[in-house]
Protein backbone atom coordinates (compact mmCIF):
# COMPACT_ATOMS: atom_id res chain seq x y z
CA MET A 1 -29.64 188.04 148.55
CA SER A 2 -27.41 191.08 147.13
CA LEU A 3 -27.81 194.38 149.06
CA PRO A 4 -25.89 197.15 146.79
CA LEU A 5 -27.70 200.17 148.28
CA THR A 6 -27.05 199.15 151.75
CA LEU A 7 -23.41 198.38 151.44
CA THR A 8 -23.01 201.51 148.79
CA MET A 9 -24.23 203.62 152.47
CA ALA A 10 -21.64 201.17 155.00
CA ALA A 11 -19.05 201.99 152.95
CA ALA A 12 -19.90 205.99 152.56
CA ALA A 13 -20.42 205.75 156.47
CA GLY A 14 -16.87 203.74 156.70
CA LEU A 15 -15.22 206.12 154.86
CA ILE A 16 -16.67 209.38 156.72
CA ASN A 17 -15.99 207.68 159.98
CA ILE A 18 -12.46 207.55 159.28
CA TRP A 19 -12.44 211.27 157.89
CA LEU A 20 -13.95 212.60 161.50
CA ALA A 21 -11.18 210.18 163.09
CA ILE A 22 -8.67 211.86 160.81
CA ARG A 23 -9.99 215.55 162.06
CA ILE A 24 -9.49 214.70 165.49
CA GLY A 25 -6.25 213.32 165.14
CA GLN A 26 -5.22 216.63 163.05
CA VAL A 27 -6.62 218.53 166.22
CA ARG A 28 -5.25 216.47 168.99
CA THR A 29 -1.60 217.07 167.04
CA SER A 30 -2.39 220.64 166.82
CA GLN A 31 -3.29 220.97 170.43
CA LYS A 32 -0.83 218.75 172.04
CA VAL A 33 -3.48 216.30 173.50
CA SER A 34 -2.43 212.69 173.06
CA VAL A 35 -5.22 210.94 175.51
CA GLY A 36 -9.03 212.25 176.10
CA ASP A 37 -9.77 215.39 175.17
CA GLY A 38 -7.77 217.47 177.76
CA GLY A 39 -10.36 219.83 178.77
CA ASN A 40 -9.67 221.57 174.93
CA GLU A 41 -13.01 222.37 173.77
CA PHE A 42 -12.10 222.00 170.32
CA VAL A 43 -10.65 218.57 170.56
CA ILE A 44 -13.98 217.72 172.57
CA ARG A 45 -16.49 219.19 169.59
CA ARG A 46 -14.18 216.89 167.09
CA MET A 47 -14.99 214.12 169.03
CA ARG A 48 -18.49 214.40 169.84
CA ALA A 49 -18.94 214.77 165.90
CA GLN A 50 -17.59 211.34 165.54
CA ALA A 51 -19.59 209.71 168.14
CA ASN A 52 -22.63 211.73 167.47
CA PHE A 53 -21.92 209.85 163.93
CA VAL A 54 -21.39 206.68 165.14
CA GLU A 55 -24.64 206.67 167.71
CA PHE A 56 -26.99 207.42 164.82
CA THR A 57 -25.55 205.74 161.54
CA PRO A 58 -25.97 202.07 162.46
CA PHE A 59 -29.68 202.52 163.14
CA VAL A 60 -30.11 204.11 159.69
CA LEU A 61 -27.81 201.42 157.83
CA ILE A 62 -30.14 198.65 159.79
CA LEU A 63 -33.44 200.18 158.80
CA ILE A 64 -32.17 200.87 154.95
CA ALA A 65 -30.63 197.11 155.05
CA GLY A 66 -34.19 195.68 155.77
CA LEU A 67 -36.13 197.83 153.95
CA GLU A 68 -34.00 196.78 151.36
CA ALA A 69 -34.00 193.34 151.91
CA SER A 70 -37.57 193.33 151.90
CA GLY A 71 -38.36 194.54 148.49
CA TYR A 72 -40.41 198.18 149.73
CA ALA A 73 -37.55 199.78 148.66
CA ALA A 74 -36.99 202.31 145.51
CA THR A 75 -35.33 204.92 143.89
CA TRP A 76 -36.09 207.45 146.91
CA LEU A 77 -34.32 205.02 149.39
CA TRP A 78 -31.10 205.80 147.63
CA ALA A 79 -31.60 209.39 147.88
CA VAL A 80 -32.45 208.90 151.46
CA GLY A 81 -29.27 207.63 151.84
CA VAL A 82 -27.38 210.16 149.88
CA VAL A 83 -28.89 212.99 151.78
CA TYR A 84 -28.21 211.27 155.26
CA MET A 85 -24.22 210.69 154.17
CA LEU A 86 -24.20 214.81 153.44
CA GLY A 87 -26.20 215.75 156.51
CA ARG A 88 -23.32 214.19 158.59
CA ILE A 89 -20.37 215.39 156.60
CA ALA A 90 -22.45 219.06 157.39
CA HIS A 91 -22.39 217.90 160.99
CA GLY A 92 -19.09 217.31 161.28
CA LEU A 93 -17.96 220.62 159.63
CA GLY A 94 -20.44 222.22 162.05
CA MET A 95 -19.38 221.00 165.35
CA ASP A 96 -16.13 222.92 164.88
CA GLY A 97 -18.21 226.08 164.65
CA GLY A 98 -17.28 229.42 162.63
CA ALA A 99 -18.22 230.26 159.47
CA PHE A 100 -20.22 226.57 158.70
CA LYS A 101 -21.73 226.57 162.46
CA LEU A 102 -25.24 225.88 160.67
CA GLY A 103 -24.36 222.47 159.32
CA ARG A 104 -24.33 221.54 162.83
CA THR A 105 -28.12 221.89 162.65
CA ILE A 106 -28.76 220.83 159.23
CA GLY A 107 -26.59 217.75 160.33
CA ILE A 108 -29.07 217.25 163.28
CA ILE A 109 -32.19 218.32 161.70
CA VAL A 110 -31.41 215.58 158.33
CA THR A 111 -30.09 212.56 160.44
CA LEU A 112 -33.39 213.21 162.75
CA LEU A 113 -35.53 213.07 159.96
CA THR A 114 -34.33 210.35 158.38
CA LEU A 115 -34.36 208.25 161.06
CA LEU A 116 -38.05 209.09 162.01
CA GLY A 117 -38.92 208.59 158.36
CA LEU A 118 -36.72 205.31 158.16
CA SER A 119 -38.70 203.90 160.96
CA GLY A 120 -42.04 204.85 160.17
CA TYR A 121 -41.52 203.62 157.06
CA ALA A 122 -40.14 200.06 158.49
CA VAL A 123 -43.21 199.89 160.86
CA TYR A 124 -45.39 200.10 157.88
CA VAL A 125 -43.68 197.54 155.58
CA ALA A 126 -43.42 195.26 158.37
CA SER A 127 -47.26 195.65 158.98
CA VAL A 128 -47.91 194.48 155.48
CA LEU A 129 -45.41 191.83 154.94
CA PRO A 130 -46.92 188.33 154.32
CA VAL A 131 -46.66 186.12 157.90
CA ALA A 132 -44.53 183.63 157.15
């Protein structure tokens, strides 16, 4: 079974996670915090941006994979995946505060709506699939 959408979104998630990790490393270096958060708010913000990504993304990827494998996915699922990933980038940038602090709100709204929508659709698909 080939799951090109799932593979593409998992690859995007991997790259975003690397980007978030690099951003943590940059702020750790600039703030001279080698272990933990050092009580530094900027380090904490960057760490929470990555942790939040890791908390939500596996569920989204599992739902995308399940829907793609079920045959009930369509082009719209690609759009949902792309919007989700863009929302996660906005969240990561917004967690810094400053000029793009609205990105945090945009990112979490996109994340929650994506998870809710995919979960609801997955329940529907599961209810209409024939029992094997």
